[in-house]
Amino acid sequence: MNFIKSVLFVAVLILIFPLLPLVAGEQEQDINIIEEKVPVSNEIIDEESAKPQPESEEEEMVFPRSMTVLDVSEITPVDIKESPADDSKSIGIVYGKLMHVDVIQNLENGYSEISTWDYRSMRDIRGFVPTKLLKTVELNEKYGIVVALSQQKVYIYEDNALIKTFLCSSGLDDNNYFTPKGLYRIGERGESFFSPKYGQGAYYWVRFNNNYLFHSVPFDENRNIIEEEAAKLGQKASHGCIRLAIEDALWLYNNIPQGTPVIIKD
């Protein structure tokens, strides 16, 4: 009996021994499959990080569809009151229709608190206006303009795609001649003007806030371009307006409609 058991035990060992490498091979194959999955995951991460990024923030610019303005003509000033009352003193003025104002709160007495800047002192102010003067206006969605003061460039967009870049001269930092930042919209325009105060004029002006305009490089009293001023394009040089080369001012004059948003930033 013991002899028979011994024979059977040996026979079982002989049958099992050839199968051991197969079992070990299957385990090794499973490890290889797991190791091969790691590079696949890394490749996905690399593809995400390798997606092309926009060259500049201007290329991603999306313009607002509306803005809040003071509902008077674009050359009419509105007093900003220190307190919400008719007899309150004025702390500044804002010209209507073209400049965005931030509404902080609407009061029950017919006044609203707003945040804006004073046209005369150029300083930020917070005060009150009659609520009936506030109006939300829709902006032209075809075009948009960005003025980058730090770059002295004007970017023109059509359907949120950059189509033109103009070199410009914005306002000097001295004597409150700087160009104010903010959100505006395009208003009226004209073929030329002359300012006796500054002894300069320009062609193809387009208003964005009362006397703040896009226009050509300046001319003198004889309507001759002042060459030394024209040579300053690309640096701050104006009394607050945005100067452009004559051909760029003409293009803007001919192509950009009223109601087009204008964003002026650093």
Protein backbone atom coordinates (compact mmCIF):
# COMPACT_ATOMS: atom_id res chain seq x y z
CA MET A 1 0.00 0.00 0.00
CA ASN A 2 2.78 2.42 0.91
CA PHE A 3 4.49 1.56 -2.34
CA ILE A 4 1.36 2.42 -4.32
CA LYS A 5 0.99 5.78 -2.50
CA SER A 6 4.60 6.63 -3.25
CA VAL A 7 4.12 5.86 -6.93
CA LEU A 8 1.00 8.04 -7.12
CA PHE A 9 2.78 10.95 -5.35
CA VAL A 10 5.66 10.83 -7.80
CA ALA A 11 3.22 10.71 -10.73
CA VAL A 12 1.42 13.83 -9.50
CA LEU A 13 4.74 15.69 -9.17
CA ILE A 14 5.66 14.72 -12.71
CA LEU A 15 2.35 16.11 -14.00
CA ILE A 16 2.51 19.42 -12.03
CA PHE A 17 6.18 20.27 -12.63
CA PRO A 18 5.83 21.22 -16.36
CA LEU A 19 2.95 23.59 -15.57
CA LEU A 20 4.93 25.78 -13.14
CA PRO A 21 6.70 27.92 -15.84
CA LEU A 22 3.32 28.58 -17.50
CA VAL A 23 1.87 29.89 -14.26
CA ALA A 24 4.95 32.07 -13.68
CA GLY A 25 4.77 33.32 -17.28
CA GLU A 26 1.14 34.44 -16.90
CA GLN A 27 2.01 36.38 -13.76
CA GLU A 28 4.93 38.09 -15.52
CA GLN A 29 2.71 38.96 -18.48
CA ASP A 30 0.17 40.64 -16.17
CA ILE A 31 2.93 42.81 -14.72
CA ASN A 32 4.09 43.81 -18.19
CA ILE A 33 0.56 44.88 -19.15
CA ILE A 34 0.24 47.06 -16.07
CA GLU A 35 3.62 48.65 -16.75
CA GLU A 36 2.60 49.40 -20.34
CA LYS A 37 -0.47 51.34 -19.19
CA VAL A 38 1.61 54.00 -17.40
CA PRO A 39 3.12 55.63 -20.53
CA VAL A 40 -0.34 55.80 -22.13
CA SER A 41 -1.62 57.87 -19.20
CA ASN A 42 1.44 60.11 -19.40
CA GLU A 43 0.85 60.68 -23.09
CA ILE A 44 -2.68 61.94 -22.41
CA ILE A 45 -1.40 64.41 -19.84
CA ASP A 46 1.31 65.58 -22.23
CA GLU A 47 -1.23 66.14 -25.00
CA GLU A 48 -3.35 68.33 -22.75
CA SER A 49 -0.39 70.44 -21.67
CA ALA A 50 0.85 70.69 -25.24
CA LYS A 51 -2.32 72.29 -26.57
CA PRO A 52 -1.49 75.59 -28.32
CA GLN A 53 -2.02 78.63 -26.13
CA PRO A 54 -3.17 82.03 -27.43
CA GLU A 55 -0.33 84.41 -28.21
CA SER A 56 -1.84 87.25 -26.18
CA GLU A 57 -4.89 88.14 -24.14
CA GLU A 58 -6.06 90.42 -26.93
CA GLU A 59 -6.73 87.39 -29.12
CA GLU A 60 -9.21 86.07 -26.53
CA MET A 61 -11.01 89.35 -25.95
CA VAL A 62 -14.76 89.08 -25.48
CA PHE A 63 -16.65 92.36 -25.33
CA PRO A 64 -19.68 93.11 -23.14
CA ARG A 65 -23.07 93.18 -24.81
CA SER A 66 -24.35 96.10 -22.77
CA MET A 67 -23.28 98.87 -20.42
CA THR A 68 -24.88 101.38 -18.06
CA VAL A 69 -24.69 105.05 -19.04
CA LEU A 70 -26.23 108.36 -18.03
CA ASP A 71 -29.17 108.95 -20.36
CA VAL A 72 -28.33 112.41 -21.67
CA SER A 73 -26.55 113.51 -24.86
CA GLU A 74 -22.89 112.56 -25.28
CA ILE A 75 -21.78 116.17 -24.68
CA THR A 76 -24.07 116.90 -21.71
CA PRO A 77 -22.53 116.85 -18.19
CA VAL A 78 -24.33 115.34 -15.20
CA ASP A 79 -23.53 116.37 -11.61
CA ILE A 80 -22.60 113.54 -9.28
CA LYS A 81 -24.03 114.39 -5.85
CA GLU A 82 -22.33 113.89 -2.50
CA SER A 83 -25.59 112.57 -1.00
CA PRO A 84 -28.90 111.36 -2.51
CA ALA A 85 -30.74 114.69 -2.49
CA ASP A 86 -31.47 117.44 -5.00
CA ASP A 87 -29.79 120.11 -2.85
CA SER A 88 -26.63 118.08 -2.23
CA LYS A 89 -23.37 119.53 -3.52
CA SER A 90 -21.67 118.21 -6.64
CA ILE A 91 -18.49 116.18 -6.20
CA GLY A 92 -17.83 115.81 -9.93
CA ILE A 93 -19.34 115.58 -13.38
CA VAL A 94 -19.77 112.77 -15.89
CA TYR A 95 -20.69 113.21 -19.55
CA GLY A 96 -23.59 111.11 -20.70
CA LYS A 97 -24.33 108.32 -23.12
CA LEU A 98 -20.84 107.05 -23.97
CA MET A 99 -19.16 106.17 -20.65
CA HIS A 100 -19.99 103.18 -18.46
CA VAL A 101 -20.79 103.83 -14.79
CA ASP A 102 -20.95 101.17 -12.07
CA VAL A 103 -24.22 101.08 -10.14
CA ILE A 104 -23.68 100.23 -6.47
CA GLN A 105 -27.27 100.41 -5.24
CA ASN A 106 -30.68 101.81 -6.13
CA LEU A 107 -32.36 103.72 -3.30
CA GLU A 108 -36.07 104.10 -2.61
CA ASN A 109 -35.99 107.91 -2.82
CA GLY A 110 -35.30 107.93 -6.57
CA TYR A 111 -31.53 108.14 -6.37
CA SER A 112 -28.84 105.57 -7.11
CA GLU A 113 -25.29 105.33 -5.84
CA ILE A 114 -22.66 104.97 -8.57
CA SER A 115 -18.90 104.61 -8.90
CA THR A 116 -17.16 106.52 -11.70
CA TRP A 117 -14.50 109.22 -12.31
CA ASP A 118 -14.80 112.99 -12.36
CA TYR A 119 -14.23 114.50 -15.80
CA ARG A 120 -12.63 117.66 -14.40
CA SER A 121 -10.26 116.27 -11.76
CA MET A 122 -9.80 112.80 -13.34
CA ARG A 123 -10.08 111.22 -9.89
CA ASP A 124 -12.28 108.28 -8.92
CA ILE A 125 -15.50 109.28 -7.18
CA ARG A 126 -18.48 107.60 -5.59
CA GLY A 127 -21.73 109.52 -5.41
CA PHE A 128 -25.39 109.75 -6.34
CA VAL A 129 -27.49 110.49 -9.43
CA PRO A 130 -31.24 110.31 -10.08
CA THR A 131 -32.10 106.71 -10.93
CA LYS A 132 -34.13 107.90 -13.93
CA LEU A 133 -30.88 109.03 -15.58
CA LEU A 134 -29.43 105.51 -15.59
CA LYS A 135 -29.92 103.50 -18.74
CA THR A 136 -28.66 100.12 -19.94
CA VAL A 137 -27.69 100.29 -23.61
CA GLU A 138 -26.91 97.49 -26.02
CA LEU A 139 -23.50 97.57 -27.66
CA ASN A 140 -22.63 96.88 -31.27
CA GLU A 141 -21.59 93.22 -31.37
CA LYS A 142 -19.86 93.32 -34.76
CA TYR A 143 -16.79 95.30 -33.73
CA GLY A 144 -14.80 96.04 -30.58
CA ILE A 145 -11.79 98.22 -29.76
CA VAL A 146 -9.09 97.76 -27.13
CA VAL A 147 -6.58 100.50 -26.34
CA ALA A 148 -3.53 99.08 -24.53
CA LEU A 149 -1.84 102.09 -22.92
CA SER A 150 1.29 100.23 -21.87
CA GLN A 151 1.82 99.09 -25.46
CA GLN A 152 0.57 102.28 -27.15
CA LYS A 153 -1.48 100.15 -29.51
CA VAL A 154 -5.09 100.01 -30.62
CA TYR A 155 -6.57 96.58 -31.36
CA ILE A 156 -9.58 96.31 -33.66
CA TYR A 157 -11.80 93.23 -33.46
CA GLU A 158 -14.49 91.91 -35.74
CA ASP A 159 -16.72 89.16 -34.30
CA ASN A 160 -14.22 88.91 -31.39
CA ALA A 161 -11.35 88.13 -33.79
CA LEU A 162 -8.41 90.52 -34.01
CA ILE A 163 -8.31 92.06 -37.49
CA LYS A 164 -6.13 95.19 -37.15
CA THR A 165 -3.47 96.64 -34.87
CA PHE A 166 -2.72 100.37 -34.93
CA LEU A 167 0.19 102.20 -33.34
CA CYS A 168 -1.09 105.13 -31.28
CA SER A 169 -0.19 107.98 -28.96
CA SER A 170 -2.32 108.33 -25.84
CA GLY A 171 -2.30 111.15 -23.29
CA LEU A 172 0.76 112.35 -21.41
CA ASP A 173 1.02 111.52 -17.71
CA ASP A 174 1.62 115.18 -16.79
CA ASN A 175 -0.99 117.88 -16.09
CA ASN A 176 -3.91 115.40 -16.08
CA TYR A 177 -3.45 114.84 -19.80
CA PHE A 178 -3.50 111.06 -19.37
CA THR A 179 -6.09 108.97 -21.18
CA PRO A 180 -8.63 107.61 -18.68
CA LYS A 181 -9.11 103.86 -18.49
CA GLY A 182 -12.57 102.29 -18.58
CA LEU A 183 -15.39 101.08 -20.79
CA TYR A 184 -16.81 103.45 -23.40
CA ARG A 185 -18.68 103.27 -26.67
CA ILE A 186 -18.23 105.05 -29.98
CA GLY A 187 -20.30 108.18 -30.58
CA GLU A 188 -20.35 110.94 -33.15
CA ARG A 189 -17.57 111.79 -35.63
CA GLY A 190 -16.34 114.50 -37.99
CA GLU A 191 -13.82 115.11 -40.74
CA SER A 192 -11.61 117.56 -38.81
CA PHE A 193 -11.39 119.98 -35.89
CA PHE A 194 -9.04 122.67 -34.59
CA SER A 195 -8.39 123.61 -30.95
CA PRO A 196 -7.24 127.22 -30.42
CA LYS A 197 -6.34 126.28 -26.84
CA TYR A 198 -3.64 123.87 -27.98
CA GLY A 199 -2.95 125.36 -31.42
CA GLN A 200 -3.56 121.97 -33.00
CA GLY A 201 -6.23 120.17 -34.96
CA ALA A 202 -6.64 116.74 -36.51
CA TYR A 203 -8.44 114.79 -39.20
CA TYR A 204 -11.09 112.07 -38.85
CA TRP A 205 -12.14 112.39 -35.23
CA VAL A 206 -14.40 109.81 -33.55
CA ARG A 207 -15.71 110.52 -30.04
CA PHE A 208 -15.65 108.04 -27.14
CA ASN A 209 -16.16 110.47 -24.21
CA ASN A 210 -17.00 114.15 -24.75
CA ASN A 211 -13.68 115.74 -25.83
CA TYR A 212 -11.80 112.43 -25.74
CA LEU A 213 -11.46 111.32 -29.33
CA PHE A 214 -9.74 108.98 -31.72
CA HIS A 215 -8.18 111.15 -34.41
CA SER A 216 -5.19 111.53 -36.71
CA VAL A 217 -1.80 112.88 -35.72
CA PRO A 218 -2.18 116.66 -35.26
CA PHE A 219 -1.97 119.46 -37.81
CA ASP A 220 -1.16 123.16 -37.30
CA GLU A 221 -3.32 126.23 -38.01
CA ASN A 222 -2.53 125.85 -41.71
CA ARG A 223 -3.73 122.22 -41.66
CA ASN A 224 -0.23 120.88 -42.19
CA ILE A 225 0.68 117.74 -40.26
CA ILE A 226 3.09 118.56 -37.41
CA GLU A 227 5.90 116.15 -38.29
CA GLU A 228 7.58 116.12 -34.87
CA GLU A 229 4.25 115.12 -33.28
CA ALA A 230 3.58 112.48 -35.94
CA ALA A 231 7.01 111.00 -35.18
CA LYS A 232 5.88 110.34 -31.59
CA LEU A 233 3.43 107.56 -32.57
CA GLY A 234 4.10 104.64 -30.27
CA GLN A 235 4.68 106.84 -27.21
CA LYS A 236 2.48 109.02 -25.02
CA ALA A 237 2.15 112.46 -26.57
CA SER A 238 -1.43 113.77 -26.65
CA HIS A 239 -3.65 115.84 -24.33
CA GLY A 240 -5.76 112.73 -23.64
CA CYS A 241 -7.06 111.73 -27.06
CA ILE A 242 -5.90 108.66 -28.98
CA ARG A 243 -3.78 109.74 -31.94
CA LEU A 244 -3.46 107.47 -34.97
CA ALA A 245 -1.68 107.56 -38.30
CA ILE A 246 -3.83 109.36 -40.89
CA GLU A 247 -4.70 106.17 -42.79
CA ASP A 248 -5.62 104.35 -39.54
CA ALA A 249 -7.77 107.24 -38.33
CA LEU A 250 -9.53 107.29 -41.70
CA TRP A 251 -10.16 103.52 -41.55
CA LEU A 252 -11.69 103.80 -38.07
CA TYR A 253 -13.74 106.83 -39.15
CA ASN A 254 -15.14 104.97 -42.16
CA ASN A 255 -15.68 101.51 -40.67
CA ILE A 256 -16.45 101.58 -36.93
CA PRO A 257 -20.15 102.27 -36.20
CA GLN A 258 -21.69 104.13 -33.30
CA GLY A 259 -22.24 101.95 -30.23
CA THR A 260 -19.02 99.97 -30.71
CA PRO A 261 -17.46 99.13 -27.29
CA VAL A 262 -14.08 100.65 -26.43
CA ILE A 263 -12.00 99.18 -23.60
CA ILE A 264 -9.07 101.33 -22.44
CA LYS A 265 -6.66 99.54 -20.12
CA ASP A 266 -3.03 99.55 -19.00
